[in-house]
C-alpha atoms as a PDB file:
ATOM      1  CA  UNK A   1     108.042 147.462 155.502  1.00  0.00           C
ATOM      2  CA  UNK A   2     104.824 147.957 153.517  1.00  0.00           C
ATOM      3  CA  UNK A   3     106.834 148.460 150.293  1.00  0.00           C
ATOM      4  CA  UNK A   4     108.795 145.242 150.936  1.00  0.00           C
ATOM      5  CA  UNK A   5     105.566 143.313 151.490  1.00  0.00           C
ATOM      6  CA  UNK A   6     104.049 144.634 148.215  1.00  0.00           C
ATOM      7  CA  UNK A   7     107.247 143.745 146.340  1.00  0.00           C
ATOM      8  CA  UNK A   8     107.181 140.206 147.771  1.00  0.00           C
ATOM      9  CA  UNK A   9     103.545 139.786 146.699  1.00  0.00           C
ATOM     10  CA  UNK A  10     104.421 140.924 143.160  1.00  0.00           C
ATOM     11  CA  UNK A  11     107.383 138.528 142.976  1.00  0.00           C
ATOM     12  CA  UNK A  12     105.318 135.620 144.263  1.00  0.00           C
ATOM     13  CA  UNK A  13     102.428 136.379 141.895  1.00  0.00           C
ATOM     14  CA  UNK A  14     104.612 136.882 138.796  1.00  0.00           C
ATOM     15  CA  UNK A  15     105.384 133.187 138.075  1.00  0.00           C
ATOM     16  CA  UNK A  16     101.691 132.326 138.417  1.00  0.00           C
ATOM     17  CA  UNK A  17     100.660 135.094 136.036  1.00  0.00           C
ATOM     18  CA  UNK A  18     103.318 134.010 133.509  1.00  0.00           C
ATOM     19  CA  UNK A  19     102.161 130.402 133.836  1.00  0.00           C
ATOM     20  CA  UNK A  20      98.551 131.463 133.388  1.00  0.00           C
ATOM     21  CA  UNK A  21      99.398 133.442 130.246  1.00  0.00           C
ATOM     22  CA  UNK A  22     101.211 130.430 128.823  1.00  0.00           C
ATOM     23  CA  UNK A  23      98.218 128.258 129.593  1.00  0.00           C
ATOM     24  CA  UNK A  24      95.978 130.626 127.651  1.00  0.00           C
ATOM     25  CA  UNK A  25      98.467 130.873 124.785  1.00  0.00           C
ATOM     26  CA  UNK A  26      98.721 127.095 124.353  1.00  0.00           C
ATOM     27  CA  UNK A  27      96.088 124.984 122.552  1.00  0.00           C
ATOM     28  CA  UNK A  28      94.145 123.165 125.281  1.00  0.00           C
ATOM     29  CA  UNK A  29      91.997 120.037 125.263  1.00  0.00           C
ATOM     30  CA  UNK A  30      93.042 119.136 121.731  1.00  0.00           C
ATOM     31  CA  UNK A  31      91.362 116.025 120.390  1.00  0.00           C
ATOM     32  CA  UNK A  32      92.352 114.332 117.148  1.00  0.00           C
ATOM     33  CA  UNK A  33      90.749 111.795 114.863  1.00  0.00           C
ATOM     34  CA  UNK A  34      91.509 110.353 111.454  1.00  0.00           C
ATOM     35  CA  UNK A  35      88.528 109.961 109.142  1.00  0.00           C
ATOM     36  CA  UNK A  36      89.408 108.268 105.853  1.00  0.00           C
ATOM     37  CA  UNK A  37      92.290 110.396 104.478  1.00  0.00           C
ATOM     38  CA  UNK A  38      91.581 113.457 106.655  1.00  0.00           C
ATOM     39  CA  UNK A  39      93.156 114.254 110.036  1.00  0.00           C
ATOM     40  CA  UNK A  40      90.929 116.524 112.177  1.00  0.00           C
ATOM     41  CA  UNK A  41      92.059 118.408 115.303  1.00  0.00           C
ATOM     42  CA  UNK A  42      89.486 120.051 117.567  1.00  0.00           C
ATOM     43  CA  UNK A  43      90.900 122.823 119.795  1.00  0.00           C
ATOM     44  CA  UNK A  44      88.610 123.770 122.692  1.00  0.00           C
ATOM     45  CA  UNK A  45      90.130 127.184 123.489  1.00  0.00           C
ATOM     46  CA  UNK A  46      90.525 128.372 119.888  1.00  0.00           C
ATOM     47  CA  UNK A  47      88.648 131.326 118.420  1.00  0.00           C
ATOM     48  CA  UNK A  48      87.315 132.033 114.951  1.00  0.00           C
ATOM     49  CA  UNK A  49      90.089 132.706 112.415  1.00  0.00           C
ATOM     50  CA  UNK A  50      92.884 131.817 114.865  1.00  0.00           C
ATOM     51  CA  UNK A  51      96.010 130.784 112.999  1.00  0.00           C
ATOM     52  CA  UNK A  52      97.365 127.405 114.113  1.00  0.00           C
ATOM     53  CA  UNK A  53     100.892 126.145 113.452  1.00  0.00           C
ATOM     54  CA  UNK A  54     101.141 122.364 113.235  1.00  0.00           C
ATOM     55  CA  UNK A  55     104.461 120.562 113.555  1.00  0.00           C
ATOM     56  CA  UNK A  56     104.228 117.069 112.099  1.00  0.00           C
ATOM     57  CA  UNK A  57     106.754 114.232 112.251  1.00  0.00           C
ATOM     58  CA  UNK A  58     106.587 110.977 110.321  1.00  0.00           C
ATOM     59  CA  UNK A  59     106.979 108.029 112.679  1.00  0.00           C
ATOM     60  CA  UNK A  60     108.609 106.028 109.915  1.00  0.00           C
ATOM     61  CA  UNK A  61     111.489 108.121 108.636  1.00  0.00           C
ATOM     62  CA  UNK A  62     111.590 110.902 111.279  1.00  0.00           C
ATOM     63  CA  UNK A  63     111.180 113.667 108.662  1.00  0.00           C
ATOM     64  CA  UNK A  64     109.520 116.835 109.976  1.00  0.00           C
ATOM     65  CA  UNK A  65     107.480 119.654 108.514  1.00  0.00           C
ATOM     66  CA  UNK A  66     105.264 122.567 109.497  1.00  0.00           C
ATOM     67  CA  UNK A  67     101.764 123.588 108.382  1.00  0.00           C
ATOM     68  CA  UNK A  68      99.822 126.747 109.170  1.00  0.00           C
ATOM     69  CA  UNK A  69      96.033 126.536 109.120  1.00  0.00           C
ATOM     70  CA  UNK A  70      93.199 128.855 110.078  1.00  0.00           C
ATOM     71  CA  UNK A  71      90.545 127.599 112.482  1.00  0.00           C
ATOM     72  CA  UNK A  72      87.336 126.322 110.917  1.00  0.00           C
ATOM     73  CA  UNK A  73      84.065 126.707 112.862  1.00  0.00           C
ATOM     74  CA  UNK A  74      81.317 124.130 112.426  1.00  0.00           C
ATOM     75  CA  UNK A  75      78.563 122.919 114.766  1.00  0.00           C
ATOM     76  CA  UNK A  76      80.040 124.991 117.611  1.00  0.00           C
ATOM     77  CA  UNK A  77      83.379 123.247 117.184  1.00  0.00           C
ATOM     78  CA  UNK A  78      86.708 124.882 116.390  1.00  0.00           C
ATOM     79  CA  UNK A  79      89.051 122.679 114.417  1.00  0.00           C
ATOM     80  CA  UNK A  80      91.616 122.344 111.639  1.00  0.00           C
ATOM     81  CA  UNK A  81      91.953 119.610 109.013  1.00  0.00           C
ATOM     82  CA  UNK A  82      94.960 118.119 107.210  1.00  0.00           C
ATOM     83  CA  UNK A  83      94.693 115.732 104.273  1.00  0.00           C
ATOM     84  CA  UNK A  84      96.846 112.677 103.658  1.00  0.00           C
ATOM     85  CA  UNK A  85      97.933 114.271 100.386  1.00  0.00           C
ATOM     86  CA  UNK A  86      99.265 117.294 102.277  1.00  0.00           C
ATOM     87  CA  UNK A  87     101.156 115.055 104.696  1.00  0.00           C
ATOM     88  CA  UNK A  88     102.629 113.005 101.837  1.00  0.00           C
ATOM     89  CA  UNK A  89     103.890 116.154 100.121  1.00  0.00           C
ATOM     90  CA  UNK A  90     105.390 117.604 103.317  1.00  0.00           C
ATOM     91  CA  UNK A  91     107.003 114.693 105.171  1.00  0.00           C
ATOM     92  CA  UNK A  92     106.404 111.728 102.880  1.00  0.00           C
ATOM     93  CA  UNK A  93     104.081 108.742 103.192  1.00  0.00           C
ATOM     94  CA  UNK A  94     103.691 106.961 106.509  1.00  0.00           C
ATOM     95  CA  UNK A  95     101.026 105.060 108.421  1.00  0.00           C
ATOM     96  CA  UNK A  96     101.734 106.982 111.641  1.00  0.00           C
ATOM     97  CA  UNK A  97     102.440 110.609 112.573  1.00  0.00           C
ATOM     98  CA  UNK A  98     103.163 112.724 115.655  1.00  0.00           C
ATOM     99  CA  UNK A  99     101.619 116.221 115.786  1.00  0.00           C
ATOM    100  CA  UNK A 100     102.196 119.295 117.968  1.00  0.00           C
ATOM    101  CA  UNK A 101     100.047 122.423 117.731  1.00  0.00           C
ATOM    102  CA  UNK A 102     100.415 126.037 118.792  1.00  0.00           C
ATOM    103  CA  UNK A 103      98.759 129.394 118.183  1.00  0.00           C
ATOM    104  CA  UNK A 104     100.540 131.535 115.588  1.00  0.00           C
ATOM    105  CA  UNK A 105      98.434 134.704 115.565  1.00  0.00           C
ATOM    106  CA  UNK A 106     101.459 136.947 115.981  1.00  0.00           C
ATOM    107  CA  UNK A 107     105.209 136.791 115.580  1.00  0.00           C
ATOM    108  CA  UNK A 108     105.749 135.622 119.157  1.00  0.00           C
ATOM    109  CA  UNK A 109     106.734 132.000 119.559  1.00  0.00           C
ATOM    110  CA  UNK A 110     104.041 130.508 121.785  1.00  0.00           C
ATOM    111  CA  UNK A 111     103.896 127.131 123.514  1.00  0.00           C
ATOM    112  CA  UNK A 112     103.281 123.855 121.675  1.00  0.00           C
ATOM    113  CA  UNK A 113     100.731 121.338 122.867  1.00  0.00           C
ATOM    114  CA  UNK A 114     101.850 117.862 123.879  1.00  0.00           C
ATOM    115  CA  UNK A 115     102.379 115.386 121.044  1.00  0.00           C
ATOM    116  CA  UNK A 116      99.350 113.747 119.507  1.00  0.00           C
ATOM    117  CA  UNK A 117      99.854 110.424 117.734  1.00  0.00           C
ATOM    118  CA  UNK A 118      97.591 109.277 114.933  1.00  0.00           C
ATOM    119  CA  UNK A 119      97.874 106.079 112.942  1.00  0.00           C
ATOM    120  CA  UNK A 120     100.284 103.224 113.490  1.00  0.00           C
ATOM    121  CA  UNK A 121     104.001 103.622 112.924  1.00  0.00           C
ATOM    122  CA  UNK A 122     105.335 101.212 110.289  1.00  0.00           C
ATOM    123  CA  UNK A 123     107.710  98.463 111.368  1.00  0.00           C
ATOM    124  CA  UNK A 124     110.432  99.761 109.051  1.00  0.00           C
ATOM    125  CA  UNK A 125     112.360 102.972 109.748  1.00  0.00           C
ATOM    126  CA  UNK A 126     114.488 105.531 107.907  1.00  0.00           C
ATOM    127  CA  UNK A 127     113.121 104.802 104.465  1.00  0.00           C
ATOM    128  CA  UNK A 128     113.000 106.831 101.260  1.00  0.00           C
ATOM    129  CA  UNK A 129     109.577 108.002 100.148  1.00  0.00           C
ATOM    130  CA  UNK A 130     109.826 106.166  96.816  1.00  0.00           C
ATOM    131  CA  UNK A 131     110.291 102.838  98.657  1.00  0.00           C
ATOM    132  CA  UNK A 132     107.361 103.165 101.078  1.00  0.00           C
ATOM    133  CA  UNK A 133     104.728 101.137  99.207  1.00  0.00           C
ATOM    134  CA  UNK A 134     107.226  98.380  98.348  1.00  0.00           C
ATOM    135  CA  UNK A 135     108.334  98.175 101.980  1.00  0.00           C
ATOM    136  CA  UNK A 136     104.704  97.956 103.104  1.00  0.00           C
ATOM    137  CA  UNK A 137     104.154  95.012 100.766  1.00  0.00           C
ATOM    138  CA  UNK A 138     107.391  93.357 101.904  1.00  0.00           C
ATOM    139  CA  UNK A 139     106.388  93.864 105.553  1.00  0.00           C
ATOM    140  CA  UNK A 140     103.125  92.037 104.858  1.00  0.00           C
ATOM    141  CA  UNK A 141     105.050  89.191 103.254  1.00  0.00           C
ATOM    142  CA  UNK A 142     107.463  89.069 106.232  1.00  0.00           C
ATOM    143  CA  UNK A 143     110.285  89.375 103.741  1.00  0.00           C
ATOM    144  CA  UNK A 144     112.822  91.114 105.997  1.00  0.00           C
ATOM    145  CA  UNK A 145     114.073  90.831 109.572  1.00  0.00           C
ATOM    146  CA  UNK A 146     113.579  93.269 112.453  1.00  0.00           C
ATOM    147  CA  UNK A 147     117.237  94.264 112.202  1.00  0.00           C
ATOM    148  CA  UNK A 148     116.884  95.182 108.533  1.00  0.00           C
ATOM    149  CA  UNK A 149     113.699  97.112 109.352  1.00  0.00           C
ATOM    150  CA  UNK A 150     115.506  99.427 111.811  1.00  0.00           C
ATOM    151  CA  UNK A 151     117.258 101.311 108.977  1.00  0.00           C
ATOM    152  CA  UNK A 152     116.233 100.462 105.430  1.00  0.00           C
ATOM    153  CA  UNK A 153     118.589 103.019 103.871  1.00  0.00           C
ATOM    154  CA  UNK A 154     121.643 101.214 105.259  1.00  0.00           C
ATOM    155  CA  UNK A 155     123.760  99.079 102.929  1.00  0.00           C
ATOM    156  CA  UNK A 156     122.697  95.461 102.908  1.00  0.00           C
ATOM    157  CA  UNK A 157     125.086  92.701 103.936  1.00  0.00           C
ATOM    158  CA  UNK A 158     125.393  89.346 102.222  1.00  0.00           C
ATOM    159  CA  UNK A 159     123.806  87.461 105.113  1.00  0.00           C
ATOM    160  CA  UNK A 160     120.906  89.941 105.282  1.00  0.00           C
ATOM    161  CA  UNK A 161     120.387  89.530 101.566  1.00  0.00           C
ATOM    162  CA  UNK A 162     120.563  85.730 101.848  1.00  0.00           C
ATOM    163  CA  UNK A 163     117.534  85.810 104.176  1.00  0.00           C
ATOM    164  CA  UNK A 164     115.509  87.988 101.789  1.00  0.00           C
ATOM    165  CA  UNK A 165     116.519  85.887  98.766  1.00  0.00           C
ATOM    166  CA  UNK A 166     115.549  82.616 100.485  1.00  0.00           C
ATOM    167  CA  UNK A 167     112.186  84.015 101.612  1.00  0.00           C
ATOM    168  CA  UNK A 168     111.470  85.399  98.132  1.00  0.00           C
ATOM    169  CA  UNK A 169     112.358  82.028  96.601  1.00  0.00           C
ATOM    170  CA  UNK A 170     109.989  80.273  99.007  1.00  0.00           C
ATOM    171  CA  UNK A 171     107.140  82.672  98.169  1.00  0.00           C
ATOM    172  CA  UNK A 172     107.756  82.355  94.440  1.00  0.00           C
ATOM    173  CA  UNK A 173     108.190  78.578  94.195  1.00  0.00           C
ATOM    174  CA  UNK A 174     106.974  77.230  97.558  1.00  0.00           C
ATOM    175  CA  UNK A 175     110.339  75.557  98.017  1.00  0.00           C
ATOM    176  CA  UNK A 176     112.792  75.899 100.859  1.00  0.00           C
ATOM    177  CA  UNK A 177     115.701  74.226 102.634  1.00  0.00           C
ATOM    178  CA  UNK A 178     116.550  73.370 106.220  1.00  0.00           C
ATOM    179  CA  UNK A 179     119.963  74.998 106.089  1.00  0.00           C
ATOM    180  CA  UNK A 180     121.305  72.654 108.739  1.00  0.00           C
ATOM    181  CA  UNK A 181     124.488  71.709 106.874  1.00  0.00           C
ATOM    182  CA  UNK A 182     127.284  74.218 107.403  1.00  0.00           C
ATOM    183  CA  UNK A 183     128.936  75.145 104.112  1.00  0.00           C
ATOM    184  CA  UNK A 184     131.154  78.051 105.165  1.00  0.00           C
ATOM    185  CA  UNK A 185     133.846  78.401 107.781  1.00  0.00           C
ATOM    186  CA  UNK A 186     133.161  82.090 108.494  1.00  0.00           C
ATOM    187  CA  UNK A 187     129.446  81.894 109.326  1.00  0.00           C
ATOM    188  CA  UNK A 188     126.783  79.700 110.904  1.00  0.00           C
ATOM    189  CA  UNK A 189     124.004  81.791 109.401  1.00  0.00           C
ATOM    190  CA  UNK A 190     121.076  79.543 108.549  1.00  0.00           C
ATOM    191  CA  UNK A 191     119.981  81.582 105.548  1.00  0.00           C
ATOM    192  CA  UNK A 192     123.467  81.559 104.039  1.00  0.00           C
ATOM    193  CA  UNK A 193     123.390  77.753 104.178  1.00  0.00           C
ATOM    194  CA  UNK A 194     119.822  77.640 102.843  1.00  0.00           C
ATOM    195  CA  UNK A 195     120.716  79.930  99.923  1.00  0.00           C
ATOM    196  CA  UNK A 196     123.610  77.642  99.053  1.00  0.00           C
ATOM    197  CA  UNK A 197     121.419  74.513  99.312  1.00  0.00           C
ATOM    198  CA  UNK A 198     118.849  76.061  96.971  1.00  0.00           C
ATOM    199  CA  UNK A 199     121.516  77.009  94.456  1.00  0.00           C
ATOM    200  CA  UNK A 200     120.730  80.706  94.525  1.00  0.00           C
ATOM    201  CA  UNK A 201     123.816  82.025  96.308  1.00  0.00           C
ATOM    202  CA  UNK A 202     127.412  80.827  96.544  1.00  0.00           C
ATOM    203  CA  UNK A 203     130.411  81.724  98.662  1.00  0.00           C
ATOM    204  CA  UNK A 204     133.337  84.021  97.974  1.00  0.00           C
ATOM    205  CA  UNK A 205     135.912  81.260  97.595  1.00  0.00           C
ATOM    206  CA  UNK A 206     138.116  79.377 100.068  1.00  0.00           C
ATOM    207  CA  UNK A 207     134.981  78.046 101.852  1.00  0.00           C
ATOM    208  CA  UNK A 208     134.005  81.560 102.985  1.00  0.00           C
ATOM    209  CA  UNK A 209     130.748  83.462 102.626  1.00  0.00           C
ATOM    210  CA  UNK A 210     131.838  86.949 103.808  1.00  0.00           C
ATOM    211  CA  UNK A 211     128.545  87.458 105.703  1.00  0.00           C
ATOM    212  CA  UNK A 212     129.210  91.069 106.697  1.00  0.00           C
ATOM    213  CA  UNK A 213     130.402  92.210 103.266  1.00  0.00           C
ATOM    214  CA  UNK A 214     127.976  94.444 101.401  1.00  0.00           C
ATOM    215  CA  UNK A 215     126.145  93.375  98.253  1.00  0.00           C
ATOM    216  CA  UNK A 216     127.320  95.006  95.046  1.00  0.00           C
ATOM    217  CA  UNK A 217     125.015  95.545  92.085  1.00  0.00           C
ATOM    218  CA  UNK A 218     126.774  92.925  89.978  1.00  0.00           C
ATOM    219  CA  UNK A 219     126.591  90.260  92.717  1.00  0.00           C
ATOM    220  CA  UNK A 220     122.959  91.148  93.319  1.00  0.00           C
ATOM    221  CA  UNK A 221     122.268  90.574  89.609  1.00  0.00           C
ATOM    222  CA  UNK A 222     123.797  87.094  89.826  1.00  0.00           C
ATOM    223  CA  UNK A 223     121.600  86.061  92.752  1.00  0.00           C
ATOM    224  CA  UNK A 224     118.457  87.593  91.258  1.00  0.00           C
ATOM    225  CA  UNK A 225     119.030  85.715  88.005  1.00  0.00           C
ATOM    226  CA  UNK A 226     119.182  82.515  90.083  1.00  0.00           C
ATOM    227  CA  UNK A 227     116.209  83.270  92.345  1.00  0.00           C
ATOM    228  CA  UNK A 228     113.816  84.201  89.555  1.00  0.00           C
ATOM    229  CA  UNK A 229     115.349  81.949  86.886  1.00  0.00           C
ATOM    230  CA  UNK A 230     115.714  84.848  84.484  1.00  0.00           C
ATOM    231  CA  UNK A 231     116.142  84.146  80.792  1.00  0.00           C
ATOM    232  CA  UNK A 232     118.533  86.085  78.636  1.00  0.00           C
ATOM    233  CA  UNK A 233     116.996  88.300  75.964  1.00  0.00           C
ATOM    234  CA  UNK A 234     118.514  90.956  73.759  1.00  0.00           C
ATOM    235  CA  UNK A 235     121.815  92.470  74.846  1.00  0.00           C
ATOM    236  CA  UNK A 236     121.528  95.759  76.705  1.00  0.00           C
ATOM    237  CA  UNK A 237     124.046  98.437  75.776  1.00  0.00           C
ATOM    238  CA  UNK A 238     126.003  99.271  78.934  1.00  0.00           C
ATOM    239  CA  UNK A 239     128.629 102.016  78.782  1.00  0.00           C
ATOM    240  CA  UNK A 240     130.765 100.636  81.639  1.00  0.00           C
ATOM    241  CA  UNK A 241     130.345  96.981  80.655  1.00  0.00           C
ATOM    242  CA  UNK A 242     134.104  96.361  80.937  1.00  0.00           C
ATOM    243  CA  UNK A 243     133.934  97.149  84.661  1.00  0.00           C
ATOM    244  CA  UNK A 244     131.495  94.277  85.229  1.00  0.00           C
ATOM    245  CA  UNK A 245     133.164  91.059  86.426  1.00  0.00           C
ATOM    246  CA  UNK A 246     133.123  88.363  83.744  1.00  0.00           C
ATOM    247  CA  UNK A 247     131.138  85.961  85.964  1.00  0.00           C
ATOM    248  CA  UNK A 248     128.353  88.553  86.333  1.00  0.00           C
ATOM    249  CA  UNK A 249     127.935  89.931  82.804  1.00  0.00           C
ATOM    250  CA  UNK A 250     125.277  87.508  81.629  1.00  0.00           C
ATOM    251  CA  UNK A 251     123.317  87.909  84.875  1.00  0.00           C
ATOM    252  CA  UNK A 252     123.532  91.707  84.665  1.00  0.00           C
ATOM    253  CA  UNK A 253     122.078  91.542  81.172  1.00  0.00           C
ATOM    254  CA  UNK A 254     119.231  89.339  82.430  1.00  0.00           C
ATOM    255  CA  UNK A 255     118.513  91.610  85.392  1.00  0.00           C
ATOM    256  CA  UNK A 256     118.441  94.704  83.176  1.00  0.00           C
ATOM    257  CA  UNK A 257     116.124  93.056  80.653  1.00  0.00           C
ATOM    258  CA  UNK A 258     113.751  91.977  83.405  1.00  0.00           C
ATOM    259  CA  UNK A 259     113.812  95.474  85.041  1.00  0.00           C
ATOM    260  CA  UNK A 260     115.239  94.302  88.380  1.00  0.00           C
ATOM    261  CA  UNK A 261     117.995  96.845  87.883  1.00  0.00           C
ATOM    262  CA  UNK A 262     118.399  99.924  85.693  1.00  0.00           C
ATOM    263  CA  UNK A 263     121.198 102.012  84.212  1.00  0.00           C
ATOM    264  CA  UNK A 264     121.966 105.534  85.355  1.00  0.00           C
ATOM    265  CA  UNK A 265     121.385 108.602  83.175  1.00  0.00           C
ATOM    266  CA  UNK A 266     124.771 108.085  81.475  1.00  0.00           C
ATOM    267  CA  UNK A 267     123.924 104.441  80.638  1.00  0.00           C
ATOM    268  CA  UNK A 268     126.373 103.137  83.246  1.00  0.00           C
ATOM    269  CA  UNK A 269     125.568 100.098  85.390  1.00  0.00           C
ATOM    270  CA  UNK A 270     127.976 100.893  88.262  1.00  0.00           C
ATOM    271  CA  UNK A 271     128.668  97.220  89.054  1.00  0.00           C
ATOM    272  CA  UNK A 272     130.757  97.783  92.200  1.00  0.00           C
ATOM    273  CA  UNK A 273     128.253 100.125  93.838  1.00  0.00           C
ATOM    274  CA  UNK A 274     126.867  98.693  97.083  1.00  0.00           C
ATOM    275  CA  UNK A 275     123.092  98.404  97.387  1.00  0.00           C
ATOM    276  CA  UNK A 276     120.858  99.581 100.215  1.00  0.00           C
ATOM    277  CA  UNK A 277     118.354  97.398 102.007  1.00  0.00           C
ATOM    278  CA  UNK A 278     115.414  99.300 100.537  1.00  0.00           C
ATOM    279  CA  UNK A 279     116.809  99.062  96.992  1.00  0.00           C
ATOM    280  CA  UNK A 280     117.039  95.294  97.279  1.00  0.00           C
ATOM    281  CA  UNK A 281     113.624  94.906  98.891  1.00  0.00           C
ATOM    282  CA  UNK A 282     111.915  97.155  96.336  1.00  0.00           C
ATOM    283  CA  UNK A 283     113.559  95.403  93.412  1.00  0.00           C
ATOM    284  CA  UNK A 284     112.463  91.975  94.630  1.00  0.00           C
ATOM    285  CA  UNK A 285     108.991  92.708  95.959  1.00  0.00           C
ATOM    286  CA  UNK A 286     107.882  94.253  92.654  1.00  0.00           C
ATOM    287  CA  UNK A 287     108.417  90.890  90.993  1.00  0.00           C
ATOM    288  CA  UNK A 288     106.809  88.560  93.530  1.00  0.00           C
END
């Protein structure tokens, strides 16, 4: 009976001892602050030279990465620091991040702290690092819709592009249109009608606009030439020029001269290639 009682005490105590060991093994009372371009994390139960593993996630494009840092001691505080440059190189630029920390003094996988959030997540999501600054500028200009912002790497539709083109035209020339007259039988989209009224975008024939069709590079060149009133300069040598639709060739030349679009490494234009939302936004916002 005595043996059974001892065994029961051991079994009851075991979960509490395991829990207690996990508590000790996990960073506790972690506080975080961003000062200029430095992110500091104070860990109350850390010791000198403890190795800390930091899991970081961009709250803009969901990319993840891992740092390992040794504890720094200063003014009786134990902390680690991460620079914005380090974050940019690991997960790409963002205005908001989520962090989790754990001790990594040995090969055992110990418990992570709860997530710590620093900064403000950008409105736009799933972006490429090269497009970040352009998207930030476009966000400030209110150039794109909330729907477009949810996934900027997605291919852009004609009606989505119509909205961006109309807004860019308004910013550039302080001119707009009501868009109340319906010009197309397959859409009531206000921006499609506004783009038509302003003379910057036309339909696809037979009184249709094809609002859900994706924008190709050659059609984008046509609209951009209209929006920014591009002038033709010297002819650009394009290897796949014959693949460009006849109605778009002059506009493609204008867009290439003005650096709204570029050729690939083989000097091809790829006229039928569909453009992403971030490609369109970046191309336009650099010229506003």
